[in-house]
């Protein structure tokens, strides 16, 4: 051990082992990104954001909401959170914002990201949030069926929900539009996770489904780090790079 060269090799080896261990430890605590879709869509609506997050080294889980009630969608999201071993960044689009506002109270959730999403307070419903706002073109296109589920026609979806994505892509999405129970928009949650979790909000300034002014008011009310993108309601499909960057920012900002 008296040989300086041997000592130097031992120190170098120890430092290398330490660096590898530190890198693995950092990787182990990297949060999982749990994506929660909104009304009329499913988990495939994240198809352009997911690969960008994965390329940045994040595990990504897309929830499949049944869209049958707020409680049912929260339960589906909670199962996805519970399945993760470490911290979670929870992302909600549109109606998914109401879902993450409830499910985001879970201890594993470190941050919330809202994308053109509803962000109710405790005891508020989507209907409450929309009360007094001017009707939007997309909102007036939503029609109930005999079972009380709300749906959009493919034509209205293309013109008012996803007007800034290629027509062929909109047609594929429209072929699998998922109706949502109308009662869900009347249901009031008991929690508001944004009160205790750091939040980000992406305002879609060309939104024809949700009033843009409402998006801005909600972002301010929850004290979110706000990003504005000139996009339709389908912002994660038309501007996936910007959306992914916002999600990564949230993931990097929290322990």
Protein backbone atom coordinates (compact mmCIF):
# COMPACT_ATOMS: atom_id res chain seq x y z
CA UNK A 1 0.00 0.00 0.00
CA UNK A 2 3.07 2.24 0.21
CA UNK A 3 3.36 2.41 -3.57
CA UNK A 4 1.90 5.78 -4.71
CA UNK A 5 0.82 4.31 -8.04
CA UNK A 6 -1.16 1.53 -6.36
CA UNK A 7 -2.76 4.04 -3.99
CA UNK A 8 -3.77 6.21 -6.95
CA UNK A 9 -5.33 3.24 -8.73
CA UNK A 10 -7.29 2.29 -5.60
CA UNK A 11 -8.57 5.86 -5.20
CA UNK A 12 -9.54 6.04 -8.88
CA UNK A 13 -11.39 2.74 -8.64
CA UNK A 14 -13.22 3.88 -5.49
CA UNK A 15 -14.26 7.12 -7.18
CA UNK A 16 -15.52 5.23 -10.22
CA UNK A 17 -17.60 2.90 -8.04
CA UNK A 18 -18.98 5.90 -6.18
CA UNK A 19 -19.91 7.64 -9.44
CA UNK A 20 -21.67 4.56 -10.74
CA UNK A 21 -23.58 4.20 -7.47
CA UNK A 22 -24.59 7.85 -7.51
CA UNK A 23 -25.79 7.59 -11.10
CA UNK A 24 -27.84 4.52 -10.28
CA UNK A 25 -29.29 6.21 -7.23
CA UNK A 26 -30.30 9.24 -9.32
CA UNK A 27 -31.89 6.96 -11.87
CA UNK A 28 -33.77 5.09 -9.15
CA UNK A 29 -35.51 8.23 -7.87
CA UNK A 30 -36.38 9.62 -11.30
CA UNK A 31 -40.16 10.02 -11.17
CA UNK A 32 -42.55 7.98 -13.25
CA UNK A 33 -44.78 10.09 -15.50
CA UNK A 34 -48.42 9.02 -15.20
CA UNK A 35 -50.56 10.43 -18.02
CA UNK A 36 -54.33 10.83 -17.56
CA UNK A 37 -56.41 11.43 -20.69
CA UNK A 38 -59.58 13.45 -20.91
CA UNK A 39 -63.09 13.02 -22.26
CA UNK A 40 -63.61 11.40 -25.67
CA UNK A 41 -60.02 10.12 -25.87
CA UNK A 42 -58.01 7.22 -24.45
CA UNK A 43 -54.41 6.46 -23.58
CA UNK A 44 -53.36 6.54 -27.22
CA UNK A 45 -53.78 10.32 -27.19
CA UNK A 46 -50.32 10.46 -25.58
CA UNK A 47 -48.66 8.69 -28.51
CA UNK A 48 -46.56 11.70 -29.53
CA UNK A 49 -45.56 12.77 -26.01
CA UNK A 50 -44.67 9.35 -24.60
CA UNK A 51 -41.67 8.62 -26.85
CA UNK A 52 -40.17 12.02 -26.04
CA UNK A 53 -40.45 11.36 -22.32
CA UNK A 54 -39.02 7.88 -22.72
CA UNK A 55 -36.11 9.23 -24.75
CA UNK A 56 -35.36 11.51 -21.78
CA UNK A 57 -35.13 8.46 -19.54
CA UNK A 58 -38.53 8.51 -17.88
CA UNK A 59 -40.84 5.59 -17.27
CA UNK A 60 -44.28 6.51 -18.66
CA UNK A 61 -47.66 5.03 -17.76
CA UNK A 62 -50.84 6.03 -19.62
CA UNK A 63 -54.02 5.47 -17.65
CA UNK A 64 -57.09 4.12 -19.42
CA UNK A 65 -60.01 5.95 -17.82
CA UNK A 66 -63.43 4.27 -18.03
CA UNK A 67 -65.06 7.74 -18.27
CA UNK A 68 -68.04 6.44 -16.30
CA UNK A 69 -67.72 8.75 -13.29
CA UNK A 70 -65.22 10.92 -11.46
CA UNK A 71 -64.81 8.25 -8.79
CA UNK A 72 -64.18 5.52 -11.38
CA UNK A 73 -61.56 7.56 -13.22
CA UNK A 74 -59.84 8.55 -9.97
CA UNK A 75 -59.75 4.88 -8.96
CA UNK A 76 -58.15 3.89 -12.28
CA UNK A 77 -55.54 6.60 -11.85
CA UNK A 78 -54.93 5.68 -8.23
CA UNK A 79 -54.20 2.09 -9.25
CA UNK A 80 -51.61 3.33 -11.71
CA UNK A 81 -49.99 5.47 -9.01
CA UNK A 82 -50.00 2.61 -6.51
CA UNK A 83 -48.26 0.34 -9.03
CA UNK A 84 -45.18 2.59 -9.13
CA UNK A 85 -42.24 1.99 -6.82
CA UNK A 86 -41.13 5.60 -6.54
CA UNK A 87 -42.28 9.19 -7.00
CA UNK A 88 -44.80 10.20 -9.66
CA UNK A 89 -45.50 13.27 -11.76
CA UNK A 90 -49.19 13.26 -12.61
CA UNK A 91 -50.32 14.81 -15.90
CA UNK A 92 -53.96 15.45 -16.82
CA UNK A 93 -55.49 16.63 -20.08
CA UNK A 94 -58.90 18.30 -20.20
CA UNK A 95 -61.29 16.30 -17.96
CA UNK A 96 -58.20 14.50 -16.72
CA UNK A 97 -57.43 17.64 -14.74
CA UNK A 98 -60.37 16.92 -12.44
CA UNK A 99 -59.08 13.38 -12.03
CA UNK A 100 -55.52 14.38 -11.08
CA UNK A 101 -56.87 17.04 -8.73
CA UNK A 102 -58.27 14.16 -6.65
CA UNK A 103 -55.75 11.39 -7.28
CA UNK A 104 -52.84 13.81 -6.91
CA UNK A 105 -53.26 13.81 -3.14
CA UNK A 106 -51.46 10.45 -3.05
CA UNK A 107 -48.15 10.60 -1.18
CA UNK A 108 -46.16 9.37 -4.20
CA UNK A 109 -47.29 12.29 -6.37
CA UNK A 110 -44.68 15.06 -6.40
CA UNK A 111 -46.13 17.43 -9.01
CA UNK A 112 -49.19 18.03 -11.16
CA UNK A 113 -49.24 19.11 -14.80
CA UNK A 114 -52.50 20.37 -16.29
CA UNK A 115 -52.92 20.51 -20.09
CA UNK A 116 -55.89 22.66 -21.16
CA UNK A 117 -57.46 20.97 -18.17
CA UNK A 118 -60.10 21.50 -15.53
CA UNK A 119 -58.58 22.38 -12.16
CA UNK A 120 -61.47 22.46 -9.68
CA UNK A 121 -61.24 23.40 -6.05
CA UNK A 122 -62.51 21.13 -3.32
CA UNK A 123 -66.25 20.80 -3.70
CA UNK A 124 -66.31 22.09 -7.29
CA UNK A 125 -67.51 20.28 -10.39
CA UNK A 126 -66.72 20.87 -14.05
CA UNK A 127 -70.21 22.33 -14.40
CA UNK A 128 -69.41 24.77 -11.60
CA UNK A 129 -66.21 25.86 -13.36
CA UNK A 130 -68.04 26.42 -16.64
CA UNK A 131 -70.97 28.30 -15.07
CA UNK A 132 -71.22 31.80 -16.47
CA UNK A 133 -68.70 31.25 -19.28
CA UNK A 134 -69.62 31.82 -22.90
CA UNK A 135 -70.34 28.63 -24.89
CA UNK A 136 -67.48 27.41 -27.06
CA UNK A 137 -67.93 25.92 -30.55
CA UNK A 138 -66.78 22.53 -29.33
CA UNK A 139 -68.85 22.69 -26.18
CA UNK A 140 -72.06 23.23 -28.13
CA UNK A 141 -71.16 20.26 -30.34
CA UNK A 142 -71.28 17.82 -27.43
CA UNK A 143 -74.54 15.88 -27.41
CA UNK A 144 -76.02 13.40 -24.90
CA UNK A 145 -77.31 9.97 -25.93
CA UNK A 146 -80.25 8.11 -24.42
CA UNK A 147 -78.02 6.58 -21.73
CA UNK A 148 -76.75 9.95 -20.58
CA UNK A 149 -73.31 9.70 -22.16
CA UNK A 150 -71.87 12.71 -23.97
CA UNK A 151 -70.27 12.38 -27.39
CA UNK A 152 -68.95 14.35 -30.35
CA UNK A 153 -69.26 13.61 -34.05
CA UNK A 154 -66.05 12.97 -35.98
CA UNK A 155 -66.63 16.15 -37.98
CA UNK A 156 -67.01 18.30 -34.87
CA UNK A 157 -63.97 16.63 -33.31
CA UNK A 158 -61.85 17.51 -36.35
CA UNK A 159 -63.03 21.12 -36.51
CA UNK A 160 -63.28 22.04 -32.83
CA UNK A 161 -61.19 19.62 -30.75
CA UNK A 162 -58.17 18.88 -32.91
CA UNK A 163 -58.25 21.49 -35.67
CA UNK A 164 -54.46 21.86 -35.77
CA UNK A 165 -53.42 18.25 -36.36
CA UNK A 166 -53.34 16.52 -39.76
CA UNK A 167 -56.79 15.50 -40.98
CA UNK A 168 -55.68 11.87 -41.30
CA UNK A 169 -54.58 11.80 -37.66
CA UNK A 170 -57.82 13.42 -36.54
CA UNK A 171 -59.79 10.82 -38.48
CA UNK A 172 -57.95 7.98 -36.73
CA UNK A 173 -58.65 9.49 -33.31
CA UNK A 174 -62.26 10.18 -34.23
CA UNK A 175 -62.79 6.53 -35.15
CA UNK A 176 -62.34 5.62 -31.48
CA UNK A 177 -63.98 8.55 -29.70
CA UNK A 178 -64.99 7.49 -26.20
CA UNK A 179 -68.16 9.02 -24.74
CA UNK A 180 -68.15 10.23 -21.14
CA UNK A 181 -70.96 9.92 -18.62
CA UNK A 182 -72.71 13.28 -18.45
CA UNK A 183 -73.03 12.94 -14.68
CA UNK A 184 -69.25 13.11 -14.36
CA UNK A 185 -69.32 16.83 -15.15
CA UNK A 186 -71.72 17.35 -12.24
CA UNK A 187 -69.67 15.40 -9.69
CA UNK A 188 -67.79 17.34 -7.05
CA UNK A 189 -64.52 16.12 -5.67
CA UNK A 190 -63.61 16.43 -2.02
CA UNK A 191 -59.91 17.25 -2.52
CA UNK A 192 -57.74 19.75 -4.36
CA UNK A 193 -54.25 18.29 -4.60
CA UNK A 194 -52.89 21.48 -6.17
CA UNK A 195 -53.23 23.12 -2.75
CA UNK A 196 -50.26 21.11 -1.50
CA UNK A 197 -48.45 19.96 -4.69
CA UNK A 198 -46.48 22.16 -7.10
CA UNK A 199 -48.39 22.59 -10.34
CA UNK A 200 -47.80 23.46 -13.99
CA UNK A 201 -50.49 24.53 -16.44
CA UNK A 202 -50.40 24.60 -20.25
CA UNK A 203 -52.94 27.03 -21.70
CA UNK A 204 -54.00 26.18 -25.25
CA UNK A 205 -54.67 29.61 -26.71
CA UNK A 206 -56.55 28.31 -29.78
CA UNK A 207 -58.83 26.06 -27.72
CA UNK A 208 -62.34 25.70 -29.13
CA UNK A 209 -63.52 23.28 -26.42
CA UNK A 210 -62.73 25.06 -23.17
CA UNK A 211 -62.78 28.85 -22.76
CA UNK A 212 -59.21 30.10 -22.91
CA UNK A 213 -59.92 32.77 -20.30
CA UNK A 214 -61.10 30.03 -17.95
CA UNK A 215 -57.86 28.14 -18.49
CA UNK A 216 -55.90 31.24 -17.55
CA UNK A 217 -58.05 31.86 -14.48
CA UNK A 218 -57.64 28.29 -13.29
CA UNK A 219 -53.88 28.41 -13.83
CA UNK A 220 -53.72 31.57 -11.72
CA UNK A 221 -56.02 30.15 -9.04
CA UNK A 222 -53.82 27.10 -8.49
CA UNK A 223 -50.60 29.22 -8.59
CA UNK A 224 -49.27 27.13 -11.46
CA UNK A 225 -46.14 27.71 -13.48
CA UNK A 226 -47.99 28.63 -16.69
CA UNK A 227 -47.00 28.02 -20.29
CA UNK A 228 -49.10 29.29 -23.20
CA UNK A 229 -49.05 27.43 -26.52
CA UNK A 230 -50.92 28.49 -29.66
CA UNK A 231 -52.70 25.16 -29.95
CA UNK A 232 -56.06 23.45 -30.09
CA UNK A 233 -57.54 21.48 -27.20
CA UNK A 234 -55.46 18.55 -28.49
CA UNK A 235 -52.27 20.38 -27.50
CA UNK A 236 -50.36 17.18 -26.64
CA UNK A 237 -50.89 15.96 -30.22
CA UNK A 238 -50.20 19.17 -32.10
CA UNK A 239 -47.31 20.41 -29.92
CA UNK A 240 -45.85 17.30 -28.28
CA UNK A 241 -42.32 18.68 -27.97
CA UNK A 242 -43.45 21.71 -25.96
CA UNK A 243 -45.76 19.59 -23.81
CA UNK A 244 -43.03 17.04 -23.12
CA UNK A 245 -40.63 19.85 -22.21
CA UNK A 246 -43.11 21.20 -19.66
CA UNK A 247 -43.59 17.76 -18.12
CA UNK A 248 -39.83 17.25 -17.91
CA UNK A 249 -39.45 20.66 -16.30
CA UNK A 250 -41.93 19.59 -13.63
CA UNK A 251 -40.16 16.27 -13.15
CA UNK A 252 -36.79 17.95 -12.72
CA UNK A 253 -38.06 20.59 -10.33
CA UNK A 254 -39.27 18.25 -7.61
CA UNK A 255 -37.43 15.72 -5.43
